[in-house]
Protein backbone atom coordinates (compact mmCIF):
# COMPACT_ATOMS: atom_id res chain seq x y z
CA VAL A 1 -10.97 17.00 -38.08
CA GLN A 2 -8.94 14.58 -35.97
CA LEU A 3 -6.69 11.24 -37.44
CA VAL A 4 -5.70 8.67 -35.83
CA GLU A 5 -4.09 5.29 -37.39
CA SER A 6 -3.62 2.49 -36.70
CA GLY A 7 -2.92 -0.90 -38.21
CA GLY A 8 0.99 -1.31 -38.70
CA GLY A 9 3.80 -3.75 -37.37
CA LEU A 10 6.23 -6.13 -38.90
CA VAL A 11 5.79 -8.17 -41.22
CA GLN A 12 8.16 -10.02 -43.05
CA ALA A 13 8.86 -9.08 -47.20
CA GLY A 14 5.84 -10.58 -48.81
CA GLY A 15 4.11 -10.03 -46.67
CA SER A 16 0.43 -7.81 -46.19
CA LEU A 17 -0.38 -4.62 -43.55
CA ARG A 18 -3.87 -2.31 -43.22
CA LEU A 19 -3.69 0.40 -41.56
CA SER A 20 -6.78 2.71 -40.11
CA CYS A 21 -7.11 5.87 -40.13
CA ALA A 22 -10.17 6.78 -38.10
CA ALA A 23 -11.51 10.31 -38.66
CA SER A 24 -13.82 12.42 -36.20
CA GLY A 25 -15.56 15.60 -37.46
CA SER A 26 -18.39 16.07 -40.31
CA ILE A 27 -16.92 17.01 -43.28
CA PHE A 28 -14.88 13.94 -43.37
CA SER A 29 -16.37 12.94 -46.99
CA THR A 30 -15.33 16.19 -48.33
CA LYS A 31 -11.58 16.51 -47.96
CA ALA A 32 -9.15 14.40 -50.30
CA MET A 33 -7.23 12.42 -47.99
CA GLY A 34 -4.06 10.62 -48.10
CA TRP A 35 -1.55 8.52 -46.92
CA TYR A 36 2.48 9.83 -46.54
CA ARG A 37 5.45 8.24 -45.66
CA GLN A 38 9.13 9.18 -43.61
CA SER A 39 11.64 6.95 -43.01
CA PRO A 40 15.02 8.28 -41.57
CA GLY A 41 16.56 10.65 -43.26
CA LYS A 42 14.17 10.43 -46.08
CA GLU A 43 11.57 13.47 -46.59
CA ARG A 44 7.85 12.93 -46.01
CA GLU A 45 6.65 11.20 -49.63
CA LEU A 46 2.95 11.03 -50.34
CA VAL A 47 2.34 7.04 -51.15
CA ALA A 48 -1.59 7.95 -52.46
CA ALA A 49 -4.48 10.01 -52.40
CA ILE A 50 -8.41 9.87 -52.80
CA SER A 51 -10.07 12.70 -53.21
CA SER A 52 -13.71 13.31 -52.12
CA GLY A 53 -15.36 11.31 -55.42
CA GLY A 54 -12.93 8.64 -54.89
CA THR A 55 -10.10 9.33 -57.81
CA THR A 56 -7.08 7.62 -56.73
CA TYR A 57 -3.27 8.34 -56.72
CA TYR A 58 -0.21 6.50 -56.95
CA VAL A 59 3.29 6.71 -55.94
CA GLU A 60 5.33 5.08 -58.53
CA SER A 61 6.99 2.42 -56.29
CA VAL A 62 3.66 1.29 -54.72
CA LYS A 63 1.94 1.01 -57.88
CA GLY A 64 0.02 -2.34 -58.09
CA ARG A 65 0.40 -3.03 -55.00
CA PHE A 66 -0.92 -0.31 -52.33
CA THR A 67 -4.68 0.28 -52.59
CA ILE A 68 -6.34 3.59 -50.51
CA SER A 69 -10.35 4.02 -50.24
CA ARG A 70 -12.23 5.25 -48.04
CA ASP A 71 -15.57 4.28 -46.78
CA ASN A 72 -17.18 8.17 -45.76
CA ALA A 73 -20.36 6.68 -43.39
CA LYS A 74 -17.22 5.35 -40.85
CA ASN A 75 -15.19 8.50 -41.48
CA THR A 76 -12.18 6.04 -42.26
CA LEU A 77 -9.33 5.72 -44.04
CA TYR A 78 -7.33 2.87 -45.55
CA LEU A 79 -4.08 1.63 -47.08
CA GLN A 80 -3.65 -1.74 -47.87
CA MET A 81 -0.60 -2.52 -49.08
CA ASN A 82 0.42 -6.19 -50.03
CA SER A 83 3.64 -7.57 -51.60
CA LEU A 84 5.39 -5.64 -48.85
CA LYS A 85 9.50 -4.68 -49.52
CA PRO A 86 12.03 -4.04 -46.94
CA GLU A 87 12.30 -0.09 -48.34
CA ASP A 88 8.63 0.54 -47.58
CA THR A 89 10.00 0.37 -44.27
CA ALA A 90 8.49 3.71 -43.10
CA MET A 91 6.23 5.45 -40.05
CA TYR A 92 3.14 6.02 -42.09
CA TYR A 93 0.84 9.48 -41.94
CA CYS A 94 -2.82 9.68 -42.18
CA ALA A 95 -3.12 13.29 -43.61
CA ALA A 96 -6.92 16.02 -44.71
CA ASN A 97 -6.83 18.19 -47.46
CA VAL A 98 -3.98 16.70 -50.03
CA GLU A 99 -4.15 19.38 -52.57
CA ASN A 100 -1.51 17.74 -53.91
CA THR A 101 2.49 15.78 -53.55
CA ASP A 102 3.24 18.91 -51.52
CA PRO A 103 2.55 18.31 -47.15
CA LYS A 104 1.93 22.01 -47.25
CA SER A 105 -1.39 21.44 -48.10
CA VAL A 106 -1.94 19.13 -46.24
CA ASP A 107 -3.99 21.00 -43.11
CA THR A 108 -4.29 17.94 -40.42
CA TRP A 109 -1.68 15.35 -39.85
CA GLY A 110 -2.53 12.13 -37.73
CA GLN A 111 0.30 10.74 -35.23
CA GLY A 112 1.85 8.31 -37.73
CA THR A 113 1.48 4.32 -37.93
CA LEU A 114 5.35 2.41 -37.61
CA ALA A 115 5.46 -0.35 -40.86
CA THR A 116 8.60 -2.55 -40.90
CA VAL A 117 8.65 -4.83 -43.51
CA SER A 118 11.66 -7.10 -42.71
CA SER A 119 13.94 -9.14 -45.51
């Protein structure tokens, strides 16, 4: 599986961004997928994940604001980010084989897309 993210950019606080992750390969639908983020000086953090069956996980700080979804027919993962805050500023990475919050479980990473939220 190869992963290519898009959709990052600069937005004002309170705004929205939609990240996309296009996956190559035929096994996308069988993998748990997720979005991690990392900002300077901080560890990479699992923001949201979705199992092959559609069960979702969100870190507490984004609950009610972010929505993860997947379209297996298009081999694409999404992250809809609403009510963005300056603290959401980070590089966002698409990840495959997200078994838990530990990034060591991930077997494939995208190159990342930068989301910047201005105050």
